[in-house]
PDB file of N, CA and C in Angstrom:
ATOM      1  N   UNK A   1       3.624 180.912 -77.079  1.00  0.00           N
ATOM      2  CA  UNK A   1       2.788 182.098 -77.064  1.00  0.00           C
ATOM      3  C   UNK A   1       1.498 181.802 -77.829  1.00  0.00           C
ATOM      4  N   UNK A   2       0.390 182.170 -77.244  1.00  0.00           N
ATOM      5  CA  UNK A   2      -0.930 181.926 -77.823  1.00  0.00           C
ATOM      6  C   UNK A   2      -1.253 183.014 -78.823  1.00  0.00           C
ATOM      7  N   UNK A   3      -1.825 182.619 -79.916  1.00  0.00           N
ATOM      8  CA  UNK A   3      -2.344 183.547 -80.937  1.00  0.00           C
ATOM      9  C   UNK A   3      -3.765 183.161 -81.350  1.00  0.00           C
ATOM     10  N   UNK A   4      -4.542 184.127 -81.798  1.00  0.00           N
ATOM     11  CA  UNK A   4      -5.974 183.844 -82.066  1.00  0.00           C
ATOM     12  C   UNK A   4      -6.280 184.406 -83.458  1.00  0.00           C
ATOM     13  N   UNK A   5      -7.204 183.656 -84.165  1.00  0.00           N
ATOM     14  CA  UNK A   5      -7.494 184.026 -85.543  1.00  0.00           C
ATOM     15  C   UNK A   5      -9.002 183.796 -85.815  1.00  0.00           C
ATOM     16  N   UNK A   6      -9.511 184.615 -86.745  1.00  0.00           N
ATOM     17  CA  UNK A   6     -10.858 184.484 -87.218  1.00  0.00           C
ATOM     18  C   UNK A   6     -10.787 184.524 -88.746  1.00  0.00           C
ATOM     19  N   UNK A   7     -11.446 183.525 -89.427  1.00  0.00           N
ATOM     20  CA  UNK A   7     -11.432 183.559 -90.864  1.00  0.00           C
ATOM     21  C   UNK A   7     -12.707 182.916 -91.402  1.00  0.00           C
ATOM     22  N   UNK A   8     -13.055 183.265 -92.610  1.00  0.00           N
ATOM     23  CA  UNK A   8     -14.219 182.705 -93.239  1.00  0.00           C
ATOM     24  C   UNK A   8     -13.950 181.218 -93.447  1.00  0.00           C
ATOM     25  N   UNK A   9     -15.100 180.438 -93.450  1.00  0.00           N
ATOM     26  CA  UNK A   9     -15.024 178.976 -93.624  1.00  0.00           C
ATOM     27  C   UNK A   9     -16.179 178.535 -94.470  1.00  0.00           C
ATOM     28  N   UNK A  10     -16.086 177.318 -94.993  1.00  0.00           N
ATOM     29  CA  UNK A  10     -17.195 176.720 -95.769  1.00  0.00           C
ATOM     30  C   UNK A  10     -17.305 175.280 -95.411  1.00  0.00           C
ATOM     31  N   UNK A  11     -18.576 174.825 -95.259  1.00  0.00           N
ATOM     32  CA  UNK A  11     -18.844 173.400 -94.967  1.00  0.00           C
ATOM     33  C   UNK A  11     -20.103 173.006 -95.725  1.00  0.00           C
ATOM     34  N   UNK A  12     -20.607 171.791 -95.449  1.00  0.00           N
ATOM     35  CA  UNK A  12     -21.905 171.359 -95.971  1.00  0.00           C
ATOM     36  C   UNK A  12     -22.991 172.280 -95.507  1.00  0.00           C
ATOM     37  N   UNK A  13     -22.772 173.053 -94.431  1.00  0.00           N
ATOM     38  CA  UNK A  13     -23.743 173.976 -93.889  1.00  0.00           C
ATOM     39  C   UNK A  13     -23.723 175.318 -94.575  1.00  0.00           C
ATOM     40  N   UNK A  14     -22.820 175.506 -95.489  1.00  0.00           N
ATOM     41  CA  UNK A  14     -22.647 176.802 -96.218  1.00  0.00           C
ATOM     42  C   UNK A  14     -21.502 177.594 -95.717  1.00  0.00           C
ATOM     43  N   UNK A  15     -21.587 178.942 -95.913  1.00  0.00           N
ATOM     44  CA  UNK A  15     -20.502 179.789 -95.500  1.00  0.00           C
ATOM     45  C   UNK A  15     -20.643 180.039 -94.001  1.00  0.00           C
ATOM     46  N   UNK A  16     -19.483 180.236 -93.370  1.00  0.00           N
ATOM     47  CA  UNK A  16     -19.496 180.502 -91.947  1.00  0.00           C
ATOM     48  C   UNK A  16     -18.199 181.165 -91.542  1.00  0.00           C
ATOM     49  N   UNK A  17     -17.840 181.014 -90.263  1.00  0.00           N
ATOM     50  CA  UNK A  17     -16.629 181.620 -89.774  1.00  0.00           C
ATOM     51  C   UNK A  17     -16.020 180.647 -88.773  1.00  0.00           C
ATOM     52  N   UNK A  18     -14.685 180.606 -88.689  1.00  0.00           N
ATOM     53  CA  UNK A  18     -13.950 179.771 -87.798  1.00  0.00           C
ATOM     54  C   UNK A  18     -13.046 180.639 -86.939  1.00  0.00           C
ATOM     55  N   UNK A  19     -13.055 180.362 -85.622  1.00  0.00           N
ATOM     56  CA  UNK A  19     -12.193 181.021 -84.680  1.00  0.00           C
ATOM     57  C   UNK A  19     -11.222 179.940 -84.167  1.00  0.00           C
ATOM     58  N   UNK A  20      -9.931 180.326 -84.171  1.00  0.00           N
ATOM     59  CA  UNK A  20      -8.900 179.374 -83.795  1.00  0.00           C
ATOM     60  C   UNK A  20      -7.885 179.941 -82.855  1.00  0.00           C
ATOM     61  N   UNK A  21      -7.545 179.142 -81.863  1.00  0.00           N
ATOM     62  CA  UNK A  21      -6.510 179.480 -80.905  1.00  0.00           C
ATOM     63  C   UNK A  21      -5.312 178.537 -81.170  1.00  0.00           C
ATOM     64  N   UNK A  22      -4.112 179.171 -81.249  1.00  0.00           N
ATOM     65  CA  UNK A  22      -2.912 178.422 -81.459  1.00  0.00           C
ATOM     66  C   UNK A  22      -1.977 178.656 -80.290  1.00  0.00           C
ATOM     67  N   UNK A  23      -1.413 177.571 -79.785  1.00  0.00           N
ATOM     68  CA  UNK A  23      -0.346 177.636 -78.777  1.00  0.00           C
ATOM     69  C   UNK A  23       0.935 177.242 -79.472  1.00  0.00           C
ATOM     70  N   UNK A  24       1.697 178.230 -79.895  1.00  0.00           N
ATOM     71  CA  UNK A  24       2.850 177.993 -80.773  1.00  0.00           C
ATOM     72  C   UNK A  24       2.357 177.633 -82.147  1.00  0.00           C
ATOM     73  N   UNK A  25       2.739 176.489 -82.631  1.00  0.00           N
ATOM     74  CA  UNK A  25       2.291 175.987 -83.976  1.00  0.00           C
ATOM     75  C   UNK A  25       1.053 175.148 -83.930  1.00  0.00           C
ATOM     76  N   UNK A  26       0.660 174.701 -82.748  1.00  0.00           N
ATOM     77  CA  UNK A  26      -0.456 173.710 -82.654  1.00  0.00           C
ATOM     78  C   UNK A  26      -1.760 174.410 -82.300  1.00  0.00           C
ATOM     79  N   UNK A  27      -2.874 174.050 -82.997  1.00  0.00           N
ATOM     80  CA  UNK A  27      -4.161 174.565 -82.636  1.00  0.00           C
ATOM     81  C   UNK A  27      -4.537 173.928 -81.325  1.00  0.00           C
ATOM     82  N   UNK A  28      -5.126 174.735 -80.435  1.00  0.00           N
ATOM     83  CA  UNK A  28      -5.499 174.271 -79.092  1.00  0.00           C
ATOM     84  C   UNK A  28      -7.012 174.346 -78.818  1.00  0.00           C
ATOM     85  N   UNK A  29      -7.707 175.301 -79.439  1.00  0.00           N
ATOM     86  CA  UNK A  29      -9.129 175.386 -79.391  1.00  0.00           C
ATOM     87  C   UNK A  29      -9.695 175.972 -80.661  1.00  0.00           C
ATOM     88  N   UNK A  30     -10.956 175.596 -80.972  1.00  0.00           N
ATOM     89  CA  UNK A  30     -11.535 176.088 -82.238  1.00  0.00           C
ATOM     90  C   UNK A  30     -13.062 176.114 -82.153  1.00  0.00           C
ATOM     91  N   UNK A  31     -13.645 177.082 -82.784  1.00  0.00           N
ATOM     92  CA  UNK A  31     -15.106 177.189 -82.881  1.00  0.00           C
ATOM     93  C   UNK A  31     -15.424 177.496 -84.326  1.00  0.00           C
ATOM     94  N   UNK A  32     -16.421 176.774 -84.863  1.00  0.00           N
ATOM     95  CA  UNK A  32     -16.925 177.064 -86.211  1.00  0.00           C
ATOM     96  C   UNK A  32     -18.423 177.391 -86.115  1.00  0.00           C
ATOM     97  N   UNK A  33     -18.861 178.406 -86.848  1.00  0.00           N
ATOM     98  CA  UNK A  33     -20.246 178.851 -86.797  1.00  0.00           C
ATOM     99  C   UNK A  33     -20.755 178.944 -88.217  1.00  0.00           C
ATOM    100  N   UNK A  34     -21.853 178.244 -88.482  1.00  0.00           N
ATOM    101  CA  UNK A  34     -22.523 178.261 -89.766  1.00  0.00           C
ATOM    102  C   UNK A  34     -24.019 178.537 -89.527  1.00  0.00           C
ATOM    103  N   UNK A  35     -24.398 179.794 -89.718  1.00  0.00           N
ATOM    104  CA  UNK A  35     -25.766 180.163 -89.401  1.00  0.00           C
ATOM    105  C   UNK A  35     -25.983 179.977 -87.891  1.00  0.00           C
ATOM    106  N   UNK A  36     -26.991 179.177 -87.574  1.00  0.00           N
ATOM    107  CA  UNK A  36     -27.291 178.921 -86.106  1.00  0.00           C
ATOM    108  C   UNK A  36     -26.596 177.627 -85.583  1.00  0.00           C
ATOM    109  N   UNK A  37     -25.765 177.020 -86.383  1.00  0.00           N
ATOM    110  CA  UNK A  37     -25.053 175.806 -86.019  1.00  0.00           C
ATOM    111  C   UNK A  37     -23.654 176.136 -85.536  1.00  0.00           C
ATOM    112  N   UNK A  38     -23.311 175.704 -84.299  1.00  0.00           N
ATOM    113  CA  UNK A  38     -22.058 175.923 -83.687  1.00  0.00           C
ATOM    114  C   UNK A  38     -21.316 174.565 -83.459  1.00  0.00           C
ATOM    115  N   UNK A  39     -20.031 174.574 -83.777  1.00  0.00           N
ATOM    116  CA  UNK A  39     -19.203 173.361 -83.554  1.00  0.00           C
ATOM    117  C   UNK A  39     -17.936 173.799 -82.858  1.00  0.00           C
ATOM    118  N   UNK A  40     -17.443 172.973 -81.895  1.00  0.00           N
ATOM    119  CA  UNK A  40     -16.244 173.390 -81.183  1.00  0.00           C
ATOM    120  C   UNK A  40     -15.359 172.180 -80.955  1.00  0.00           C
ATOM    121  N   UNK A  41     -14.130 172.436 -80.573  1.00  0.00           N
ATOM    122  CA  UNK A  41     -13.124 171.424 -80.477  1.00  0.00           C
ATOM    123  C   UNK A  41     -13.249 170.532 -79.240  1.00  0.00           C
ATOM    124  N   UNK A  42     -14.296 170.697 -78.476  1.00  0.00           N
ATOM    125  CA  UNK A  42     -14.501 169.712 -77.335  1.00  0.00           C
ATOM    126  C   UNK A  42     -14.917 168.369 -77.925  1.00  0.00           C
ATOM    127  N   UNK A  43     -15.442 168.400 -79.145  1.00  0.00           N
ATOM    128  CA  UNK A  43     -15.796 167.125 -79.886  1.00  0.00           C
ATOM    129  C   UNK A  43     -14.686 166.985 -80.925  1.00  0.00           C
ATOM    130  N   UNK A  44     -14.151 165.790 -81.014  1.00  0.00           N
ATOM    131  CA  UNK A  44     -13.003 165.568 -81.939  1.00  0.00           C
ATOM    132  C   UNK A  44     -13.377 165.509 -83.386  1.00  0.00           C
ATOM    133  N   UNK A  45     -14.614 165.097 -83.719  1.00  0.00           N
ATOM    134  CA  UNK A  45     -14.985 164.996 -85.113  1.00  0.00           C
ATOM    135  C   UNK A  45     -16.491 165.190 -85.245  1.00  0.00           C
ATOM    136  N   UNK A  46     -16.914 165.924 -86.286  1.00  0.00           N
ATOM    137  CA  UNK A  46     -18.292 166.124 -86.628  1.00  0.00           C
ATOM    138  C   UNK A  46     -18.453 165.560 -88.033  1.00  0.00           C
ATOM    139  N   UNK A  47     -19.358 164.590 -88.228  1.00  0.00           N
ATOM    140  CA  UNK A  47     -19.522 163.946 -89.533  1.00  0.00           C
ATOM    141  C   UNK A  47     -19.820 164.902 -90.679  1.00  0.00           C
ATOM    142  N   UNK A  48     -20.574 166.000 -90.423  1.00  0.00           N
ATOM    143  CA  UNK A  48     -20.916 166.938 -91.464  1.00  0.00           C
ATOM    144  C   UNK A  48     -20.002 168.162 -91.549  1.00  0.00           C
ATOM    145  N   UNK A  49     -18.979 168.259 -90.657  1.00  0.00           N
ATOM    146  CA  UNK A  49     -18.035 169.366 -90.724  1.00  0.00           C
ATOM    147  C   UNK A  49     -16.631 168.869 -90.830  1.00  0.00           C
ATOM    148  N   UNK A  50     -16.266 167.822 -90.093  1.00  0.00           N
ATOM    149  CA  UNK A  50     -14.932 167.325 -90.093  1.00  0.00           C
ATOM    150  C   UNK A  50     -14.308 167.364 -88.721  1.00  0.00           C
ATOM    151  N   UNK A  51     -13.017 167.385 -88.662  1.00  0.00           N
ATOM    152  CA  UNK A  51     -12.331 167.404 -87.320  1.00  0.00           C
ATOM    153  C   UNK A  51     -12.739 168.666 -86.519  1.00  0.00           C
ATOM    154  N   UNK A  52     -12.856 168.495 -85.225  1.00  0.00           N
ATOM    155  CA  UNK A  52     -13.227 169.617 -84.346  1.00  0.00           C
ATOM    156  C   UNK A  52     -12.073 170.578 -84.144  1.00  0.00           C
ATOM    157  N   UNK A  53     -10.836 170.102 -84.459  1.00  0.00           N
ATOM    158  CA  UNK A  53      -9.676 170.922 -84.238  1.00  0.00           C
ATOM    159  C   UNK A  53      -8.717 170.746 -85.447  1.00  0.00           C
ATOM    160  N   UNK A  54      -8.240 171.858 -85.959  1.00  0.00           N
ATOM    161  CA  UNK A  54      -7.316 171.874 -87.077  1.00  0.00           C
ATOM    162  C   UNK A  54      -6.088 171.060 -86.748  1.00  0.00           C
ATOM    163  N   UNK A  55      -5.674 170.216 -87.685  1.00  0.00           N
ATOM    164  CA  UNK A  55      -4.479 169.396 -87.451  1.00  0.00           C
ATOM    165  C   UNK A  55      -3.206 169.855 -88.171  1.00  0.00           C
ATOM    166  N   UNK A  56      -3.274 171.054 -88.840  1.00  0.00           N
ATOM    167  CA  UNK A  56      -2.162 171.586 -89.471  1.00  0.00           C
ATOM    168  C   UNK A  56      -1.462 172.600 -88.629  1.00  0.00           C
ATOM    169  N   UNK A  57      -0.143 172.739 -88.722  1.00  0.00           N
ATOM    170  CA  UNK A  57       0.529 173.780 -87.989  1.00  0.00           C
ATOM    171  C   UNK A  57       0.190 175.186 -88.474  1.00  0.00           C
ATOM    172  N   UNK A  58       0.257 176.138 -87.596  1.00  0.00           N
ATOM    173  CA  UNK A  58      -0.082 177.536 -87.955  1.00  0.00           C
ATOM    174  C   UNK A  58       0.697 178.017 -89.172  1.00  0.00           C
ATOM    175  N   UNK A  59       1.975 177.704 -89.248  1.00  0.00           N
ATOM    176  CA  UNK A  59       2.835 178.174 -90.312  1.00  0.00           C
ATOM    177  C   UNK A  59       2.378 177.688 -91.686  1.00  0.00           C
ATOM    178  N   UNK A  60       1.593 176.602 -91.734  1.00  0.00           N
ATOM    179  CA  UNK A  60       1.134 176.082 -93.022  1.00  0.00           C
ATOM    180  C   UNK A  60      -0.250 176.598 -93.429  1.00  0.00           C
ATOM    181  N   UNK A  61      -0.904 177.355 -92.588  1.00  0.00           N
ATOM    182  CA  UNK A  61      -2.282 177.746 -92.885  1.00  0.00           C
ATOM    183  C   UNK A  61      -2.396 179.027 -93.650  1.00  0.00           C
ATOM    184  N   UNK A  62      -1.347 179.760 -93.744  1.00  0.00           N
ATOM    185  CA  UNK A  62      -1.371 181.067 -94.492  1.00  0.00           C
ATOM    186  C   UNK A  62      -2.320 182.087 -93.875  1.00  0.00           C
ATOM    187  N   UNK A  63      -2.363 182.127 -92.583  1.00  0.00           N
ATOM    188  CA  UNK A  63      -3.182 183.116 -91.914  1.00  0.00           C
ATOM    189  C   UNK A  63      -2.616 184.507 -92.177  1.00  0.00           C
ATOM    190  N   UNK A  64      -3.546 185.440 -92.417  1.00  0.00           N
ATOM    191  CA  UNK A  64      -3.164 186.838 -92.692  1.00  0.00           C
ATOM    192  C   UNK A  64      -3.131 187.656 -91.444  1.00  0.00           C
ATOM    193  N   UNK A  65      -2.352 188.701 -91.426  1.00  0.00           N
ATOM    194  CA  UNK A  65      -2.322 189.577 -90.212  1.00  0.00           C
ATOM    195  C   UNK A  65      -3.710 190.102 -89.853  1.00  0.00           C
ATOM    196  N   UNK A  66      -4.502 190.426 -90.907  1.00  0.00           N
ATOM    197  CA  UNK A  66      -5.838 191.003 -90.646  1.00  0.00           C
ATOM    198  C   UNK A  66      -6.796 189.919 -90.068  1.00  0.00           C
ATOM    199  N   UNK A  67      -6.428 188.690 -90.124  1.00  0.00           N
ATOM    200  CA  UNK A  67      -7.296 187.601 -89.546  1.00  0.00           C
ATOM    201  C   UNK A  67      -6.979 187.383 -88.047  1.00  0.00           C
ATOM    202  N   UNK A  68      -5.854 187.938 -87.561  1.00  0.00           N
ATOM    203  CA  UNK A  68      -5.536 187.799 -86.111  1.00  0.00           C
ATOM    204  C   UNK A  68      -6.489 188.667 -85.281  1.00  0.00           C
ATOM    205  N   UNK A  69      -6.969 188.052 -84.179  1.00  0.00           N
ATOM    206  CA  UNK A  69      -7.862 188.758 -83.257  1.00  0.00           C
ATOM    207  C   UNK A  69      -7.322 188.696 -81.860  1.00  0.00           C
ATOM    208  N   UNK A  70      -7.941 189.405 -80.978  1.00  0.00           N
ATOM    209  CA  UNK A  70      -7.484 189.415 -79.557  1.00  0.00           C
ATOM    210  C   UNK A  70      -8.003 188.210 -78.816  1.00  0.00           C
ATOM    211  N   UNK A  71      -7.293 187.928 -77.737  1.00  0.00           N
ATOM    212  CA  UNK A  71      -7.719 186.789 -76.885  1.00  0.00           C
ATOM    213  C   UNK A  71      -9.057 187.062 -76.302  1.00  0.00           C
ATOM    214  N   UNK A  72      -9.447 188.303 -76.048  1.00  0.00           N
ATOM    215  CA  UNK A  72     -10.723 188.663 -75.494  1.00  0.00           C
ATOM    216  C   UNK A  72     -11.825 188.272 -76.521  1.00  0.00           C
ATOM    217  N   UNK A  73     -11.651 188.591 -77.804  1.00  0.00           N
ATOM    218  CA  UNK A  73     -12.665 188.293 -78.817  1.00  0.00           C
ATOM    219  C   UNK A  73     -12.831 186.730 -78.905  1.00  0.00           C
ATOM    220  N   UNK A  74     -11.706 186.000 -78.895  1.00  0.00           N
ATOM    221  CA  UNK A  74     -11.831 184.575 -78.953  1.00  0.00           C
ATOM    222  C   UNK A  74     -12.564 184.023 -77.705  1.00  0.00           C
ATOM    223  N   UNK A  75     -12.196 184.516 -76.518  1.00  0.00           N
ATOM    224  CA  UNK A  75     -12.829 184.019 -75.312  1.00  0.00           C
ATOM    225  C   UNK A  75     -14.318 184.255 -75.287  1.00  0.00           C
ATOM    226  N   UNK A  76     -14.759 185.360 -75.802  1.00  0.00           N
ATOM    227  CA  UNK A  76     -16.205 185.636 -75.866  1.00  0.00           C
ATOM    228  C   UNK A  76     -16.915 184.613 -76.724  1.00  0.00           C
ATOM    229  N   UNK A  77     -16.341 184.282 -77.866  1.00  0.00           N
ATOM    230  CA  UNK A  77     -16.906 183.275 -78.765  1.00  0.00           C
ATOM    231  C   UNK A  77     -16.877 181.905 -78.122  1.00  0.00           C
ATOM    232  N   UNK A  78     -15.734 181.579 -77.485  1.00  0.00           N
ATOM    233  CA  UNK A  78     -15.613 180.255 -76.829  1.00  0.00           C
ATOM    234  C   UNK A  78     -16.689 180.114 -75.735  1.00  0.00           C
ATOM    235  N   UNK A  79     -16.887 181.117 -74.960  1.00  0.00           N
ATOM    236  CA  UNK A  79     -17.901 181.091 -73.876  1.00  0.00           C
ATOM    237  C   UNK A  79     -19.317 180.832 -74.466  1.00  0.00           C
ATOM    238  N   UNK A  80     -19.630 181.514 -75.582  1.00  0.00           N
ATOM    239  CA  UNK A  80     -20.917 181.260 -76.256  1.00  0.00           C
ATOM    240  C   UNK A  80     -21.015 179.864 -76.686  1.00  0.00           C
ATOM    241  N   UNK A  81     -19.909 179.291 -77.252  1.00  0.00           N
ATOM    242  CA  UNK A  81     -19.911 177.922 -77.735  1.00  0.00           C
ATOM    243  C   UNK A  81     -20.172 176.920 -76.590  1.00  0.00           C
ATOM    244  N   UNK A  82     -19.592 177.217 -75.471  1.00  0.00           N
ATOM    245  CA  UNK A  82     -19.783 176.324 -74.259  1.00  0.00           C
ATOM    246  C   UNK A  82     -21.194 176.281 -73.832  1.00  0.00           C
ATOM    247  N   UNK A  83     -21.971 177.348 -74.091  1.00  0.00           N
ATOM    248  CA  UNK A  83     -23.371 177.464 -73.665  1.00  0.00           C
ATOM    249  C   UNK A  83     -24.358 177.062 -74.773  1.00  0.00           C
ATOM    250  N   UNK A  84     -23.887 176.561 -75.856  1.00  0.00           N
ATOM    251  CA  UNK A  84     -24.795 176.155 -76.943  1.00  0.00           C
ATOM    252  C   UNK A  84     -25.217 174.758 -76.769  1.00  0.00           C
TER     253      UNK A  84
END
């Protein structure tokens, strides 16, 4: 079962937000946004951000119920990332 999350993030670019899709325990897609900089999991590694996709299982990330979002919200962000 796929689940989707949005949470605050921090990188060398400052504060931002990360959107994550999980298929069971494994992350399957991810988008990170810091200001006008967008990073997504189509690239495996970004030198100034890190891995393009979370390598920890969902159960170890401590995601909160209020961080869960709909598939529609995730897909809207994913489509924007594809067009960046």
